[in-house]
Amino acid sequence: MAGTNRILILIVFLTLGFFSWNSSEFFSPDCVYYFGRRLDSLSETASAFSNLDNRGQYRPLGMVLFSFLFYPLLGFNPAGYHVIPLLFHVANILLVYRITRELAADSRVALGAAFFFALHRCNFFVTFGITFIPDFIGCFFFLAALLVYIRGRGPRSYFLALVLWIFALGNKETAVVFPALLLCYEWFFADRRPEGWRRTGAFKRLLPFAAVCLIFTAFVFHLYQGNLYPGDTGHPYRASLSISSLVPKVKYLWWAVNLPQGSGLGNALLPVIVNSATMPKINVPYPLPTLIAAGLMLPFAVGFAAFVVWRLTRRDPLVAFGLAAFILTLAPVLPLAGRVMQHNLYFSMFGLALVAGKFMTTILESRYKVLAPVFALVFVFSTLVGVANNRQTSWPVTSARISRQLLEDFRLAARSQPVCESGRVLISRTGQPDFVWYSDGGNLFRIFGPCPDVEVYFEDLGHTAPDPTAVRLDLQLKAEGFR
């Protein structure tokens, strides 16, 4: 037991070493979003729970936690907001370990699952500031609810699991699949109950979860005016089931097994989408390490896929449940019309971590046990390469640095022109479509600039000067960025 704890502590320390590099990075626009819409009253809080937010999504609990917990504690300290996701990620690692330990008798399986979940490359995005509050907090409540349900044996435990799941729903809509996941658990692990699989008993336990799921789905359907996704045809999170939208989602499969982005592997396997406008254009600064990581990881990825097929034919409950969890939690993301983004894998990594834990333990028990540490080293190397690449080219980093640049330019302009005296600023046309996003509609200048009450207008949005006292500023991006 002591050895297991030491390995788990080592995994946590490795995680902190991998993903705490960005403590000095400024807020990305998605972080500024929370500052610009902070809740100040009970009426605003009630409105957050009864309406869609400014992004056209229903995620009220994250805004409540930011407004009444994170901001009062941290103010405008960037380092503190980088610590928060790290702490939640560590908590999620421990939850993954405990859930796996409940499902598998072998502690090595739990350690393997914790290792895979902790050090996966997608965590670079999730731990980058508070941009991904819906992911790391939503996943925390989701996993906590699952652990309580698995360990529970009475109404009180199931009620607590229900409450925790509702908190997860308030952070991210992906959590709506929880009742389906519980049904998979009841089916695959029926032998954990003295009575075995009993349809009546399982449905009785799941009925409250199914009822809440139906109510939540109907409520979201109402908020979206008859849709389950935003109905606006220009919204990045609208539903699209076209081939051009669905084919790029295949990239989730090789990202999920930690194959590095930027190796060209995706385009090689899917040449039909090489020139697709839906694919993000990223220039990898370290092509050779990326190619090496891809070459080393690919044999393990193929072996992993073969292992899954083999264990499914043997009706392995842990592998079946893990694969079901991966598919279910990723399913709500697949219809999204927007770009394929790695942070959407965070919920799904839990399910694949269960399979990875069994995969590594099976290798350890075979004659090829030396491949287990080799796999771990290759996995870590691939993550290191991914972190190095993402520190240069990923959109959270790029947008944060551009936001800092824009803020510095605005402060300089405010010193030489009567910006604060006028109280109104018209930003001249930039020709950069993401300019308004980089400044979060002007909140960047209002919140962190020298004039907290300034009104900001953009010619890119068709705004004109509201009166002759408005100051016209020419702010141009000095760096290329992408979202």
Protein backbone atom coordinates (compact mmCIF):
# COMPACT_ATOMS: atom_id res chain seq x y z
CA MET A 1 0.00 0.00 0.00
CA ALA A 2 2.83 2.39 0.85
CA GLY A 3 4.42 1.71 -2.53
CA THR A 4 1.15 2.43 -4.29
CA ASN A 5 0.81 5.75 -2.49
CA ARG A 6 4.36 6.72 -3.39
CA ILE A 7 3.73 6.02 -7.08
CA LEU A 8 0.49 8.00 -6.96
CA ILE A 9 2.31 10.94 -5.34
CA LEU A 10 4.97 10.71 -8.05
CA ILE A 11 2.28 10.86 -10.72
CA VAL A 12 0.83 13.98 -9.10
CA PHE A 13 4.25 15.67 -8.91
CA LEU A 14 4.94 14.83 -12.55
CA THR A 15 1.59 16.37 -13.43
CA LEU A 16 2.44 19.58 -11.60
CA GLY A 17 5.81 19.68 -13.34
CA PHE A 18 4.28 19.20 -16.79
CA PHE A 19 1.39 21.65 -16.55
CA SER A 20 2.45 24.45 -14.17
CA TRP A 21 4.78 26.19 -16.65
CA ASN A 22 2.27 28.96 -17.47
CA SER A 23 1.84 30.63 -14.06
CA SER A 24 3.02 33.99 -15.46
CA GLU A 25 0.88 33.94 -18.60
CA PHE A 26 -1.73 36.67 -18.89
CA PHE A 27 -5.43 35.87 -19.16
CA SER A 28 -6.65 34.56 -22.49
CA PRO A 29 -9.85 36.16 -23.85
CA ASP A 30 -11.90 33.24 -22.56
CA CYS A 31 -10.56 33.98 -19.07
CA VAL A 32 -11.33 37.68 -19.44
CA TYR A 33 -14.87 36.57 -20.28
CA TYR A 34 -15.51 35.68 -16.63
CA PHE A 35 -14.24 39.01 -15.34
CA GLY A 36 -16.43 40.95 -17.75
CA ARG A 37 -19.62 39.12 -16.71
CA ARG A 38 -19.07 38.69 -13.00
CA LEU A 39 -22.29 38.26 -11.01
CA ASP A 40 -22.87 40.88 -8.32
CA SER A 41 -26.38 40.22 -6.99
CA LEU A 42 -28.97 37.54 -6.33
CA SER A 43 -31.05 38.70 -9.28
CA GLU A 44 -28.10 38.29 -11.64
CA THR A 45 -27.42 34.87 -10.16
CA ALA A 46 -31.04 33.82 -10.64
CA SER A 47 -30.88 35.07 -14.22
CA ALA A 48 -27.74 33.00 -14.85
CA PHE A 49 -29.63 29.85 -13.85
CA SER A 50 -32.70 30.66 -15.93
CA ASN A 51 -31.10 31.88 -19.16
CA LEU A 52 -28.35 31.10 -21.62
CA ASP A 53 -25.08 32.96 -21.11
CA ASN A 54 -23.47 35.44 -23.51
CA ARG A 55 -21.96 32.57 -25.47
CA GLY A 56 -25.35 30.99 -26.04
CA GLN A 57 -24.64 28.14 -23.62
CA TYR A 58 -26.12 26.97 -20.33
CA ARG A 59 -23.24 26.76 -17.83
CA PRO A 60 -24.26 28.87 -14.83
CA LEU A 61 -22.41 27.14 -12.00
CA GLY A 62 -18.95 28.01 -13.32
CA MET A 63 -19.86 31.69 -13.39
CA VAL A 64 -21.27 31.48 -9.86
CA LEU A 65 -18.09 29.83 -8.56
CA PHE A 66 -15.94 32.44 -10.26
CA SER A 67 -18.02 35.37 -9.02
CA PHE A 68 -18.45 34.32 -5.40
CA LEU A 69 -15.41 32.13 -4.72
CA PHE A 70 -12.48 32.51 -7.10
CA TYR A 71 -12.62 36.26 -7.70
CA PRO A 72 -13.09 37.24 -4.02
CA LEU A 73 -10.09 35.04 -3.14
CA LEU A 74 -7.75 35.92 -6.03
CA GLY A 75 -8.81 39.26 -7.48
CA PHE A 76 -6.72 39.95 -10.59
CA ASN A 77 -3.78 37.68 -9.76
CA PRO A 78 -2.98 35.62 -12.90
CA ALA A 79 -0.90 33.04 -11.03
CA GLY A 80 -3.80 32.13 -8.77
CA TYR A 81 -6.07 31.45 -11.71
CA HIS A 82 -3.47 29.07 -13.14
CA VAL A 83 -3.32 27.20 -9.82
CA ILE A 84 -7.09 26.56 -9.68
CA PRO A 85 -7.30 24.19 -12.69
CA LEU A 86 -4.17 22.38 -11.51
CA LEU A 87 -5.73 21.71 -8.13
CA PHE A 88 -8.94 20.47 -9.71
CA HIS A 89 -6.97 18.29 -12.12
CA VAL A 90 -5.11 16.73 -9.20
CA ALA A 91 -8.44 16.08 -7.49
CA ASN A 92 -9.73 14.46 -10.68
CA ILE A 93 -6.62 12.25 -10.86
CA LEU A 94 -7.35 10.99 -7.36
CA LEU A 95 -10.99 10.40 -8.27
CA VAL A 96 -9.96 8.39 -11.33
CA TYR A 97 -7.67 6.32 -9.12
CA ARG A 98 -10.39 5.69 -6.53
CA ILE A 99 -13.05 4.80 -9.12
CA THR A 100 -10.70 2.39 -10.86
CA ARG A 101 -9.71 0.90 -7.52
CA GLU A 102 -13.39 0.26 -6.81
CA LEU A 103 -13.88 -1.42 -10.17
CA ALA A 104 -10.64 -3.41 -10.34
CA ALA A 105 -9.11 -5.56 -7.64
CA ASP A 106 -5.57 -4.82 -8.82
CA SER A 107 -4.05 -1.53 -7.62
CA ARG A 108 -1.75 -1.57 -10.66
CA VAL A 109 -4.77 -1.04 -12.90
CA ALA A 110 -5.75 2.02 -10.85
CA LEU A 111 -2.22 3.41 -11.01
CA GLY A 112 -2.12 2.88 -14.76
CA ALA A 113 -5.45 4.67 -15.14
CA ALA A 114 -4.27 7.57 -12.97
CA PHE A 115 -1.03 7.81 -14.96
CA PHE A 116 -2.84 7.92 -18.31
CA PHE A 117 -5.41 10.48 -17.13
CA ALA A 118 -2.87 12.65 -15.29
CA LEU A 119 -0.22 13.01 -17.98
CA HIS A 120 -2.29 13.04 -21.16
CA ARG A 121 -1.43 15.89 -23.50
CA CYS A 122 -4.96 17.32 -23.59
CA ASN A 123 -4.43 18.46 -20.00
CA PHE A 124 -2.24 21.27 -21.36
CA PHE A 125 -5.42 23.02 -22.45
CA VAL A 126 -7.59 22.16 -19.46
CA THR A 127 -5.00 23.43 -16.98
CA PHE A 128 -4.41 26.70 -18.86
CA GLY A 129 -6.02 29.22 -16.52
CA ILE A 130 -9.74 29.35 -15.89
CA THR A 131 -10.61 29.21 -19.59
CA PHE A 132 -11.90 25.67 -19.14
CA ILE A 133 -13.88 25.99 -15.91
CA PRO A 134 -16.69 23.89 -17.45
CA ASP A 135 -14.27 21.02 -18.07
CA PHE A 136 -12.18 20.68 -14.93
CA ILE A 137 -14.98 21.56 -12.48
CA GLY A 138 -17.67 19.71 -14.41
CA CYS A 139 -15.47 16.62 -14.59
CA PHE A 140 -14.78 16.86 -10.85
CA PHE A 141 -18.48 16.71 -9.95
CA PHE A 142 -19.11 14.08 -12.64
CA LEU A 143 -16.42 11.74 -11.29
CA ALA A 144 -17.36 12.44 -7.67
CA ALA A 145 -20.97 11.53 -8.45
CA LEU A 146 -19.87 8.30 -10.13
CA LEU A 147 -17.63 7.32 -7.21
CA VAL A 148 -20.40 7.96 -4.69
CA TYR A 149 -22.85 5.92 -6.77
CA ILE A 150 -20.43 3.00 -7.14
CA ARG A 151 -19.63 2.92 -3.43
CA GLY A 152 -23.19 3.61 -2.32
CA ARG A 153 -25.60 1.00 -1.08
CA GLY A 154 -28.58 3.04 -0.02
CA PRO A 155 -30.89 5.99 -0.81
CA ARG A 156 -28.64 8.57 0.88
CA SER A 157 -25.67 7.68 -1.28
CA TYR A 158 -27.74 7.75 -4.45
CA PHE A 159 -29.22 11.11 -3.47
CA LEU A 160 -25.74 12.55 -2.90
CA ALA A 161 -24.64 11.18 -6.28
CA LEU A 162 -27.69 12.85 -7.84
CA VAL A 163 -26.82 16.21 -6.29
CA LEU A 164 -23.18 16.01 -7.39
CA TRP A 165 -24.29 15.13 -10.90
CA ILE A 166 -26.63 18.14 -11.00
CA PHE A 167 -23.61 20.30 -10.09
CA ALA A 168 -21.78 18.72 -13.04
CA LEU A 169 -24.72 19.57 -15.31
CA GLY A 170 -24.50 23.17 -14.16
CA ASN A 171 -20.92 23.31 -15.41
CA LYS A 172 -21.05 21.46 -18.73
CA GLU A 173 -23.81 19.87 -20.76
CA THR A 174 -21.69 16.79 -21.49
CA ALA A 175 -22.63 15.50 -18.04
CA VAL A 176 -26.14 14.78 -19.35
CA VAL A 177 -24.92 11.30 -20.38
CA PHE A 178 -24.45 10.30 -16.72
CA PRO A 179 -27.63 8.16 -16.46
CA ALA A 180 -26.58 6.19 -19.55
CA LEU A 181 -23.17 5.65 -17.97
CA LEU A 182 -24.80 4.39 -14.78
CA LEU A 183 -26.87 1.96 -16.81
CA CYS A 184 -23.65 0.63 -18.36
CA TYR A 185 -22.17 0.25 -14.90
CA GLU A 186 -25.23 -1.62 -13.64
CA TRP A 187 -25.02 -3.98 -16.63
CA PHE A 188 -21.28 -4.63 -16.82
CA PHE A 189 -20.76 -4.89 -13.05
CA ALA A 190 -23.97 -6.67 -12.09
CA ASP A 191 -21.91 -9.24 -10.18
CA ARG A 192 -21.01 -6.56 -7.62
CA ARG A 193 -24.55 -6.75 -6.30
CA PRO A 194 -25.76 -9.77 -4.28
CA GLU A 195 -28.81 -10.13 -6.47
CA GLY A 196 -26.84 -9.85 -9.72
CA TRP A 197 -28.52 -8.15 -12.68
CA ARG A 198 -32.13 -7.32 -11.89
CA ARG A 199 -33.82 -5.00 -14.32
CA THR A 200 -36.34 -3.78 -11.77
CA GLY A 201 -33.72 -2.95 -9.16
CA ALA A 202 -31.45 -1.17 -11.64
CA PHE A 203 -34.29 0.90 -13.10
CA LYS A 204 -35.46 1.83 -9.62
CA ARG A 205 -32.02 3.15 -8.73
CA LEU A 206 -31.68 4.99 -12.04
CA LEU A 207 -35.19 6.45 -12.19
CA PRO A 208 -34.33 9.73 -10.36
CA PHE A 209 -31.33 10.26 -12.65
CA ALA A 210 -33.42 9.58 -15.74
CA ALA A 211 -36.09 12.02 -14.54
CA VAL A 212 -33.56 14.81 -13.96
CA CYS A 213 -32.00 14.07 -17.36
CA LEU A 214 -35.37 14.45 -19.09
CA ILE A 215 -36.17 17.66 -17.20
CA PHE A 216 -32.74 19.15 -17.99
CA THR A 217 -32.99 18.18 -21.66
CA ALA A 218 -36.46 19.70 -21.93
CA PHE A 219 -35.23 22.89 -20.23
CA VAL A 220 -32.27 23.23 -22.59
CA PHE A 221 -34.59 22.45 -25.51
CA HIS A 222 -36.75 25.37 -24.35
CA LEU A 223 -33.80 27.75 -23.91
CA TYR A 224 -32.54 26.94 -27.40
CA GLN A 225 -36.04 27.57 -28.77
CA GLY A 226 -36.69 24.07 -29.99
CA ASN A 227 -33.12 22.82 -30.42
CA LEU A 228 -30.63 20.89 -28.34
CA TYR A 229 -27.77 22.98 -29.75
CA PRO A 230 -27.69 26.71 -30.61
CA GLY A 231 -30.01 27.38 -33.51
CA ASP A 232 -28.00 30.29 -34.94
CA THR A 233 -26.44 29.13 -38.21
CA GLY A 234 -23.33 31.18 -37.46
CA HIS A 235 -22.81 29.86 -33.93
CA PRO A 236 -19.63 27.75 -33.53
CA TYR A 237 -21.44 25.32 -31.23
CA ARG A 238 -24.41 24.69 -33.49
CA ALA A 239 -25.11 21.13 -34.58
CA SER A 240 -23.90 19.96 -37.96
CA LEU A 241 -24.04 16.37 -39.19
CA SER A 242 -22.45 17.06 -42.57
CA ILE A 243 -19.51 14.97 -43.75
CA SER A 244 -17.19 18.01 -43.71
CA SER A 245 -18.07 18.53 -40.07
CA LEU A 246 -17.98 14.91 -38.90
CA VAL A 247 -14.85 13.63 -40.66
CA PRO A 248 -12.41 15.89 -38.76
CA LYS A 249 -13.79 14.48 -35.49
CA VAL A 250 -11.88 11.29 -36.27
CA LYS A 251 -8.83 13.19 -35.01
CA TYR A 252 -10.20 12.68 -31.51
CA LEU A 253 -9.31 9.00 -31.83
CA TRP A 254 -5.56 9.46 -32.27
CA TRP A 255 -5.42 12.45 -29.94
CA ALA A 256 -7.11 10.23 -27.36
CA VAL A 257 -4.22 7.75 -27.42
CA ASN A 258 -1.78 10.67 -27.08
CA LEU A 259 -0.52 10.75 -30.64
CA PRO A 260 0.96 14.25 -31.05
CA GLN A 261 -0.72 17.01 -33.00
CA GLY A 262 1.26 18.42 -35.92
CA SER A 263 2.96 15.20 -37.02
CA GLY A 264 0.98 15.07 -40.26
CA LEU A 265 -0.49 11.72 -39.23
CA GLY A 266 -4.06 12.99 -39.37
CA ASN A 267 -3.69 14.33 -42.88
CA ALA A 268 -1.94 11.15 -43.99
CA LEU A 269 -4.79 8.99 -42.75
CA LEU A 270 -7.50 11.35 -43.95
CA PRO A 271 -6.18 12.99 -47.13
CA VAL A 272 -9.66 14.07 -48.09
CA ILE A 273 -9.64 16.75 -45.40
CA VAL A 274 -6.11 18.08 -45.90
CA ASN A 275 -7.41 21.32 -47.34
CA SER A 276 -10.59 21.44 -45.30
CA ALA A 277 -11.40 24.90 -44.00
CA THR A 278 -12.64 23.34 -40.78
CA MET A 279 -9.15 22.15 -39.80
CA PRO A 280 -6.98 24.47 -37.67
CA LYS A 281 -3.75 25.51 -39.38
CA ILE A 282 -0.89 25.05 -36.94
CA ASN A 283 2.81 25.31 -37.70
CA VAL A 284 4.68 23.00 -35.33
CA PRO A 285 7.96 24.57 -34.17
CA TYR A 286 9.61 21.23 -33.37
CA PRO A 287 8.90 18.94 -36.36
CA LEU A 288 11.60 16.35 -35.66
CA PRO A 289 10.61 15.61 -32.00
CA THR A 290 6.98 15.56 -33.09
CA LEU A 291 7.67 13.00 -35.80
CA ILE A 292 9.75 10.90 -33.38
CA ALA A 293 6.96 10.98 -30.79
CA ALA A 294 4.41 9.97 -33.42
CA GLY A 295 6.61 7.12 -34.64
CA LEU A 296 7.15 5.82 -31.11
CA MET A 297 3.52 6.13 -30.04
CA LEU A 298 1.96 4.63 -33.16
CA PRO A 299 2.90 0.97 -32.42
CA PHE A 300 1.50 1.29 -28.91
CA ALA A 301 -1.66 2.93 -30.28
CA VAL A 302 -2.15 0.00 -32.66
CA GLY A 303 -1.47 -2.46 -29.84
CA PHE A 304 -3.89 -0.59 -27.61
CA ALA A 305 -6.65 -0.84 -30.24
CA ALA A 306 -5.97 -4.58 -30.68
CA PHE A 307 -6.07 -5.02 -26.91
CA VAL A 308 -9.49 -3.35 -26.73
CA VAL A 309 -10.89 -5.67 -29.39
CA TRP A 310 -9.41 -8.72 -27.67
CA ARG A 311 -10.76 -7.82 -24.23
CA LEU A 312 -14.19 -7.05 -25.64
CA THR A 313 -14.33 -10.54 -27.14
CA ARG A 314 -13.51 -11.83 -23.64
CA ARG A 315 -16.31 -9.67 -22.19
CA ASP A 316 -13.98 -7.79 -19.88
CA PRO A 317 -16.32 -5.57 -17.81
CA LEU A 318 -13.71 -2.89 -17.04
CA VAL A 319 -12.68 -2.48 -20.68
CA ALA A 320 -16.29 -2.50 -21.85
CA PHE A 321 -17.30 0.06 -19.25
CA GLY A 322 -14.28 2.26 -19.98
CA LEU A 323 -14.97 2.20 -23.72
CA ALA A 324 -18.63 3.00 -23.09
CA ALA A 325 -17.64 5.93 -20.87
CA PHE A 326 -15.29 7.24 -23.57
CA ILE A 327 -17.92 7.03 -26.31
CA LEU A 328 -20.79 8.40 -24.23
CA THR A 329 -18.93 11.45 -22.92
CA LEU A 330 -17.53 12.28 -26.34
CA ALA A 331 -20.87 11.83 -28.16
CA PRO A 332 -22.34 15.28 -27.27
CA VAL A 333 -19.29 16.97 -28.82
CA LEU A 334 -19.38 15.16 -32.15
CA PRO A 335 -22.26 17.16 -33.71
CA LEU A 336 -20.56 20.51 -32.98
CA ALA A 337 -19.90 22.45 -36.17
CA GLY A 338 -16.85 24.25 -34.77
CA ARG A 339 -13.24 23.18 -34.90
CA VAL A 340 -12.01 20.01 -33.27
CA MET A 341 -10.49 21.05 -29.94
CA GLN A 342 -8.52 18.82 -27.63
CA HIS A 343 -10.02 20.05 -24.36
CA ASN A 344 -13.24 18.26 -25.33
CA LEU A 345 -11.44 15.01 -24.57
CA TYR A 346 -11.07 15.76 -20.86
CA PHE A 347 -14.33 14.11 -19.76
CA SER A 348 -13.67 11.21 -22.13
CA MET A 349 -10.15 10.58 -20.86
CA PHE A 350 -11.62 9.00 -17.75
CA GLY A 351 -13.13 6.14 -19.72
CA LEU A 352 -10.03 5.56 -21.81
CA ALA A 353 -7.89 5.73 -18.65
CA LEU A 354 -9.74 2.69 -17.30
CA VAL A 355 -8.83 0.78 -20.44
CA ALA A 356 -5.24 2.06 -20.35
CA GLY A 357 -4.83 0.87 -16.77
CA LYS A 358 -5.90 -2.63 -17.76
CA PHE A 359 -3.69 -2.46 -20.87
CA MET A 360 -0.55 -1.60 -18.88
CA THR A 361 -1.29 -4.23 -16.23
CA THR A 362 -1.79 -6.90 -18.90
CA ILE A 363 1.62 -6.05 -20.36
CA LEU A 364 3.18 -6.31 -16.89
CA GLU A 365 1.71 -9.79 -16.48
CA SER A 366 2.98 -11.01 -19.84
CA ARG A 367 6.38 -12.20 -20.99
CA TYR A 368 6.85 -8.76 -22.55
CA LYS A 369 6.64 -6.89 -19.27
CA VAL A 370 9.58 -4.69 -20.25
CA LEU A 371 7.23 -2.96 -22.72
CA ALA A 372 5.22 -1.46 -19.85
CA PRO A 373 7.93 0.99 -18.73
CA VAL A 374 8.79 1.60 -22.38
CA PHE A 375 5.16 2.55 -23.03
CA ALA A 376 5.20 4.87 -20.00
CA LEU A 377 8.38 6.61 -21.19
CA VAL A 378 7.08 7.00 -24.75
CA PHE A 379 3.78 8.32 -23.41
CA VAL A 380 5.60 10.90 -21.27
CA PHE A 381 7.85 11.89 -24.19
CA SER A 382 4.85 12.41 -26.46
CA THR A 383 3.23 14.62 -23.82
CA LEU A 384 6.43 16.64 -23.38
CA VAL A 385 6.61 17.20 -27.14
CA GLY A 386 2.96 18.23 -27.17
CA VAL A 387 3.47 20.67 -24.30
CA ALA A 388 6.52 22.19 -26.01
CA ASN A 389 4.61 22.62 -29.27
CA ASN A 390 1.50 23.99 -27.60
CA ARG A 391 3.52 26.54 -25.64
CA GLN A 392 4.38 28.11 -28.98
CA THR A 393 1.35 27.69 -31.20
CA SER A 394 -1.81 26.72 -29.29
CA TRP A 395 -4.68 29.17 -29.29
CA PRO A 396 -4.90 29.70 -25.48
CA VAL A 397 -1.25 30.76 -25.36
CA THR A 398 -1.36 32.80 -28.57
CA SER A 399 -4.55 34.60 -27.61
CA ALA A 400 -3.27 35.32 -24.08
CA ARG A 401 -0.11 36.90 -25.45
CA ILE A 402 -2.02 38.93 -28.03
CA SER A 403 -4.42 40.10 -25.32
CA ARG A 404 -1.47 41.25 -23.24
CA GLN A 405 -0.05 43.08 -26.25
CA LEU A 406 -3.38 44.78 -26.98
CA LEU A 407 -3.73 45.87 -23.36
CA GLU A 408 -0.22 47.36 -23.34
CA ASP A 409 -0.95 49.22 -26.59
CA PHE A 410 -4.20 50.53 -25.16
CA ARG A 411 -2.49 51.79 -22.00
CA LEU A 412 0.15 53.59 -24.06
CA ALA A 413 -2.53 55.19 -26.23
CA ALA A 414 -4.50 56.27 -23.15
CA ARG A 415 -1.47 58.15 -21.85
CA SER A 416 -1.18 60.32 -24.95
CA GLN A 417 -4.87 60.79 -25.74
CA PRO A 418 -7.85 61.83 -23.55
CA VAL A 419 -9.32 58.34 -23.44
CA CYS A 420 -10.35 58.41 -19.78
CA GLU A 421 -11.67 61.96 -19.99
CA SER A 422 -13.87 61.10 -22.95
CA GLY A 423 -15.07 57.79 -21.55
CA ARG A 424 -15.71 56.53 -25.09
CA VAL A 425 -13.30 54.80 -27.45
CA LEU A 426 -13.80 53.79 -31.05
CA ILE A 427 -11.33 51.11 -32.14
CA SER A 428 -10.55 51.66 -35.81
CA ARG A 429 -11.03 48.90 -38.34
CA THR A 430 -8.28 46.30 -38.03
CA GLY A 431 -9.10 43.75 -40.71
CA GLN A 432 -8.52 41.04 -38.09
CA PRO A 433 -11.77 39.08 -37.56
CA ASP A 434 -10.73 37.85 -34.11
CA PHE A 435 -9.77 41.30 -32.81
CA VAL A 436 -13.04 41.74 -30.94
CA TRP A 437 -12.64 38.27 -29.44
CA TYR A 438 -9.06 38.95 -28.34
CA SER A 439 -10.33 41.89 -26.27
CA ASP A 440 -13.56 40.11 -25.25
CA GLY A 441 -15.67 42.82 -26.80
CA GLY A 442 -13.69 45.55 -25.05
CA ASN A 443 -13.83 44.02 -21.57
CA LEU A 444 -10.05 43.63 -21.69
CA PHE A 445 -9.66 47.42 -21.85
CA ARG A 446 -12.42 48.21 -19.37
CA ILE A 447 -11.33 45.74 -16.68
CA PHE A 448 -7.55 45.87 -16.89
CA GLY A 449 -7.01 49.29 -18.48
CA PRO A 450 -6.67 52.70 -16.79
CA CYS A 451 -10.31 53.68 -17.39
CA PRO A 452 -12.73 51.22 -15.74
CA ASP A 453 -15.84 53.04 -17.01
CA VAL A 454 -14.79 53.47 -20.64
CA GLU A 455 -17.24 52.45 -23.36
CA VAL A 456 -15.59 50.60 -26.24
CA TYR A 457 -16.85 50.48 -29.82
CA PHE A 458 -15.44 48.63 -32.85
CA GLU A 459 -15.57 49.65 -36.48
CA ASP A 460 -15.13 45.96 -37.31
CA LEU A 461 -18.63 45.48 -35.85
CA GLY A 462 -20.03 48.42 -37.82
CA HIS A 463 -19.98 50.81 -34.86
CA THR A 464 -19.60 54.55 -35.41
CA ALA A 465 -18.53 57.22 -32.92
CA PRO A 466 -21.53 57.93 -30.65
CA ASP A 467 -20.54 61.60 -30.28
CA PRO A 468 -17.60 63.93 -31.15
CA THR A 469 -15.94 63.34 -27.75
CA ALA A 470 -15.18 59.69 -28.54
CA VAL A 471 -11.48 59.00 -29.00
CA ARG A 472 -10.53 57.00 -32.09
CA LEU A 473 -7.68 54.55 -31.47
CA ASP A 474 -5.75 52.60 -34.06
CA LEU A 475 -4.70 49.30 -32.51
CA GLN A 476 -3.10 46.78 -34.84
CA LEU A 477 -2.05 43.24 -34.01
CA LYS A 478 1.69 42.73 -34.30
CA ALA A 479 1.46 38.92 -34.27
CA GLU A 480 -0.56 36.34 -36.11
CA GLY A 481 -3.03 34.49 -33.95
CA PHE A 482 -5.64 31.86 -34.40
CA ARG A 483 -8.48 30.68 -32.29
